[in-house]
């Protein structure tokens, strides 16, 4: 579905990704792990056309290199940034409307789906996004991305700063996506949630993938965890 081969990415003259090779298959949850600064968020931004990238990067056979972010989104990729980036003066419903994919006769996701998954969003439907709590803004960003009807969603640190109860909700949400046929690339610091819900885990270090395997294989790879994940 999504394939990266020898991908390099840059912030100006700063060379951040050094030949990333990875793939995400249909209906698969893949966790991308690593320490801060390892290149995980840059990988998501490169996929979405938000930083300069070179190499081979395709989604369902179509090259993503050089495409603007809006074209990449139209191909069926959704992106939930770590910064959330809600529209603070617009209501919850208005934020969702901006994410909505137009012109599709039978959208996969509706407002009712969002209210069922996150009842708090229904309660706050007519509230300006800027006064929501951090957890509520995270829910809103997740829902707004889904309204664009993506086939693959990139989610950067969705549980950062959230209460344990909300973290559990997010984990359930991600599993619901998989059940409805959506692939997920999950960038996550919390090893437990990533290992619990992922089909495969990737470990990144110094702008490269240093491990690709099942959660169980990573549990057994003590040297990898010690070198690239543990403090």
Protein backbone atom coordinates (compact mmCIF):
# COMPACT_ATOMS: atom_id res chain seq x y z
CA UNK A 1 0.00 0.00 0.00
CA UNK A 2 2.56 2.57 1.21
CA UNK A 3 6.18 1.90 0.30
CA UNK A 4 9.28 3.94 1.11
CA UNK A 5 12.58 2.96 -0.47
CA UNK A 6 15.83 4.81 0.24
CA UNK A 7 13.93 7.91 1.36
CA UNK A 8 15.93 10.98 2.33
CA UNK A 9 14.41 14.14 3.83
CA UNK A 10 15.76 17.57 4.64
CA UNK A 11 14.97 20.70 6.61
CA UNK A 12 16.84 23.22 4.51
CA UNK A 13 20.42 21.95 4.50
CA UNK A 14 19.83 19.66 7.48
CA UNK A 15 19.75 16.04 6.34
CA UNK A 16 17.32 14.21 8.68
CA UNK A 17 16.26 10.94 7.01
CA UNK A 18 19.08 8.79 5.67
CA UNK A 19 17.63 6.14 3.38
CA UNK A 20 14.42 5.01 5.11
CA UNK A 21 12.97 1.70 3.90
CA UNK A 22 9.54 0.67 5.17
CA UNK A 23 6.04 -0.37 4.10
CA UNK A 24 2.49 -0.36 5.46
CA UNK A 25 0.07 -2.96 4.09
CA UNK A 26 -3.70 -2.96 3.64
CA UNK A 27 -5.58 -2.99 6.95
CA UNK A 28 -2.36 -3.03 8.97
CA UNK A 29 -1.40 -1.09 12.10
CA UNK A 30 2.32 -0.37 12.04
CA UNK A 31 3.97 1.41 14.98
CA UNK A 32 7.00 3.60 14.35
CA UNK A 33 9.05 3.81 17.54
CA UNK A 34 12.22 5.62 18.50
CA UNK A 35 13.67 8.28 20.73
CA UNK A 36 12.97 11.97 20.25
CA UNK A 37 15.00 13.27 17.32
CA UNK A 38 15.25 9.90 15.61
CA UNK A 39 13.26 11.07 12.56
CA UNK A 40 9.81 9.63 13.20
CA UNK A 41 7.81 12.84 12.80
CA UNK A 42 9.92 13.85 9.82
CA UNK A 43 9.00 10.55 8.17
CA UNK A 44 5.28 11.38 8.49
CA UNK A 45 5.85 14.92 7.18
CA UNK A 46 7.86 13.57 4.25
CA UNK A 47 5.06 11.15 3.35
CA UNK A 48 2.57 14.03 3.41
CA UNK A 49 4.74 16.32 1.29
CA UNK A 50 5.45 18.76 4.11
CA UNK A 51 9.26 18.55 3.93
CA UNK A 52 11.62 18.14 1.01
CA UNK A 53 12.15 14.45 0.27
CA UNK A 54 14.13 12.43 -2.24
CA UNK A 55 14.07 8.74 -3.08
CA UNK A 56 11.22 6.39 -3.89
CA UNK A 57 7.90 6.78 -2.08
CA UNK A 58 4.64 5.37 -3.45
CA UNK A 59 1.04 4.92 -2.33
CA UNK A 60 -0.82 2.22 -4.23
CA UNK A 61 1.74 2.50 -7.00
CA UNK A 62 1.57 6.29 -7.36
CA UNK A 63 4.67 8.29 -6.57
CA UNK A 64 4.34 10.82 -3.74
CA UNK A 65 7.67 12.54 -4.34
CA UNK A 66 7.16 16.19 -5.25
CA UNK A 67 3.38 16.17 -4.78
CA UNK A 68 1.78 18.89 -2.63
CA UNK A 69 0.05 17.86 0.57
CA UNK A 70 -3.47 18.41 -0.79
CA UNK A 71 -2.84 16.03 -3.71
CA UNK A 72 -1.47 13.41 -1.32
CA UNK A 73 -4.56 13.77 0.87
CA UNK A 74 -6.80 13.32 -2.17
CA UNK A 75 -5.07 10.02 -2.91
CA UNK A 76 -6.37 8.69 0.42
CA UNK A 77 -3.80 9.56 3.09
CA UNK A 78 -4.79 11.31 6.30
CA UNK A 79 -2.47 12.98 8.80
CA UNK A 80 -2.96 13.71 12.49
CA UNK A 81 -0.05 15.93 13.57
CA UNK A 82 1.33 15.94 17.09
CA UNK A 83 0.52 19.67 17.34
CA UNK A 84 -3.22 18.93 16.74
CA UNK A 85 -3.76 22.22 14.87
CA UNK A 86 -7.46 22.71 15.41
CA UNK A 87 -9.15 25.89 14.19
CA UNK A 88 -9.66 27.57 17.59
CA UNK A 89 -12.42 30.03 16.67
CA UNK A 90 -14.54 27.41 14.89
CA UNK A 91 -16.85 25.00 16.66
CA UNK A 92 -16.26 21.27 16.88
CA UNK A 93 -18.77 20.64 14.11
CA UNK A 94 -17.27 23.35 11.90
CA UNK A 95 -13.81 21.80 12.36
CA UNK A 96 -15.20 18.44 11.27
CA UNK A 97 -16.90 20.04 8.27
CA UNK A 98 -13.55 21.41 7.07
CA UNK A 99 -12.15 17.88 7.07
CA UNK A 100 -15.11 16.40 5.22
CA UNK A 101 -14.44 14.88 1.80
CA UNK A 102 -16.87 16.39 -0.67
CA UNK A 103 -18.64 14.73 -3.56
CA UNK A 104 -18.65 11.15 -2.27
CA UNK A 105 -22.12 9.58 -2.46
CA UNK A 106 -21.60 7.23 0.49
CA UNK A 107 -18.86 8.49 2.82
CA UNK A 108 -17.30 5.84 5.02
CA UNK A 109 -17.49 8.10 8.07
CA UNK A 110 -20.31 10.36 9.23
CA UNK A 111 -20.87 12.81 12.07
CA UNK A 112 -22.85 10.10 13.87
CA UNK A 113 -19.81 7.81 13.68
CA UNK A 114 -17.71 10.50 15.36
CA UNK A 115 -20.31 11.02 18.11
CA UNK A 116 -20.48 7.26 18.77
CA UNK A 117 -16.72 6.87 19.03
CA UNK A 118 -16.21 9.99 21.10
CA UNK A 119 -19.46 11.00 22.87
CA UNK A 120 -17.65 14.00 24.35
CA UNK A 121 -17.44 15.47 20.84
CA UNK A 122 -21.22 15.37 20.57
CA UNK A 123 -21.52 17.15 23.90
CA UNK A 124 -19.11 19.84 22.65
CA UNK A 125 -20.49 19.98 19.11
CA UNK A 126 -21.21 23.72 19.18
CA UNK A 127 -18.23 24.70 21.37
CA UNK A 128 -15.26 26.58 19.93
CA UNK A 129 -12.28 24.26 19.55
CA UNK A 130 -9.94 26.71 21.24
CA UNK A 131 -11.55 26.19 24.66
CA UNK A 132 -11.41 22.38 24.53
CA UNK A 133 -9.01 20.49 26.76
CA UNK A 134 -5.90 18.93 25.24
CA UNK A 135 -7.54 15.51 25.20
CA UNK A 136 -10.66 16.89 23.53
CA UNK A 137 -8.58 18.64 20.89
CA UNK A 138 -6.81 15.36 20.20
CA UNK A 139 -10.16 13.62 19.73
CA UNK A 140 -11.29 16.42 17.42
CA UNK A 141 -8.17 16.21 15.27
CA UNK A 142 -8.55 12.45 14.94
CA UNK A 143 -12.20 12.82 13.95
CA UNK A 144 -11.53 15.67 11.52
CA UNK A 145 -8.94 13.56 9.71
CA UNK A 146 -11.35 10.65 9.46
CA UNK A 147 -13.98 12.89 7.86
CA UNK A 148 -11.63 13.10 4.87
CA UNK A 149 -12.24 9.35 4.35
CA UNK A 150 -8.57 8.23 4.23
CA UNK A 151 -7.47 4.68 3.44
CA UNK A 152 -4.24 5.17 5.43
CA UNK A 153 -3.89 7.46 8.42
CA UNK A 154 -0.61 8.72 9.87
CA UNK A 155 -0.97 9.55 13.56
CA UNK A 156 1.84 11.34 15.39
CA UNK A 157 1.93 10.87 19.18
CA UNK A 158 -1.86 10.64 19.71
CA UNK A 159 -1.55 9.86 23.42
CA UNK A 160 0.93 12.61 24.33
CA UNK A 161 -0.20 14.39 27.49
CA UNK A 162 -3.49 12.51 27.74
CA UNK A 163 -5.05 10.99 30.86
CA UNK A 164 -4.95 7.16 31.05
CA UNK A 165 -8.71 6.90 30.40
CA UNK A 166 -8.37 8.92 27.18
CA UNK A 167 -5.31 6.89 26.15
CA UNK A 168 -7.46 3.75 26.39
CA UNK A 169 -10.10 5.45 24.23
CA UNK A 170 -7.52 6.31 21.59
CA UNK A 171 -6.26 2.72 21.54
CA UNK A 172 -9.81 1.47 21.01
CA UNK A 173 -10.31 4.08 18.29
CA UNK A 174 -7.24 2.83 16.41
CA UNK A 175 -8.49 -0.74 16.55
CA UNK A 176 -11.87 0.42 15.22
CA UNK A 177 -10.05 1.92 12.24
CA UNK A 178 -8.43 -1.40 11.48
CA UNK A 179 -11.76 -3.21 11.72
CA UNK A 180 -13.13 -0.81 9.12
CA UNK A 181 -10.26 -1.48 6.73
CA UNK A 182 -8.10 1.57 7.38
CA UNK A 183 -4.34 1.18 7.64
CA UNK A 184 -2.51 3.07 10.39
CA UNK A 185 1.06 4.29 10.76
CA UNK A 186 1.28 5.10 14.47
CA UNK A 187 4.13 7.23 15.76
CA UNK A 188 4.14 6.65 19.49
CA UNK A 189 6.36 7.04 22.54
CA UNK A 190 4.37 4.73 24.80
CA UNK A 191 5.81 1.30 24.10
CA UNK A 192 2.95 -0.55 25.79
CA UNK A 193 0.13 0.78 23.62
CA UNK A 194 2.18 0.38 20.45
CA UNK A 195 3.03 -3.23 21.26
CA UNK A 196 -0.53 -4.07 22.26
CA UNK A 197 -2.35 -2.91 19.13
CA UNK A 198 0.21 -3.13 16.31
CA UNK A 199 0.69 -5.87 13.73
CA UNK A 200 4.30 -4.79 13.17
CA UNK A 201 6.69 -2.42 14.86
CA UNK A 202 9.47 -0.40 13.32
CA UNK A 203 12.28 1.17 15.32
CA UNK A 204 14.00 4.26 13.98
CA UNK A 205 17.40 5.58 14.92
CA UNK A 206 19.51 8.34 13.36
CA UNK A 207 17.08 8.72 10.47
CA UNK A 208 17.01 5.04 9.48
CA UNK A 209 14.90 1.96 10.26
CA UNK A 210 16.97 -0.26 12.55
CA UNK A 211 14.31 -2.88 13.32
CA UNK A 212 11.23 -4.22 11.51
CA UNK A 213 9.30 -7.10 13.04
CA UNK A 214 6.39 -8.25 15.16
CA UNK A 215 5.77 -6.91 18.66
CA UNK A 216 6.86 -10.27 20.06
CA UNK A 217 10.10 -10.14 18.10
CA UNK A 218 10.83 -6.70 19.57
CA UNK A 219 10.09 -7.98 23.07
CA UNK A 220 12.77 -10.61 22.50
CA UNK A 221 15.23 -8.17 20.88
CA UNK A 222 16.78 -6.91 24.11
CA UNK A 223 19.79 -5.35 22.38
CA UNK A 224 17.59 -3.34 20.00
CA UNK A 225 15.44 -1.98 22.83
CA UNK A 226 18.47 -1.09 24.92
CA UNK A 227 20.29 0.64 22.05
CA UNK A 228 17.39 2.52 20.47
CA UNK A 229 14.45 2.81 22.87
CA UNK A 230 15.31 2.58 26.54
CA UNK A 231 16.66 5.52 28.50
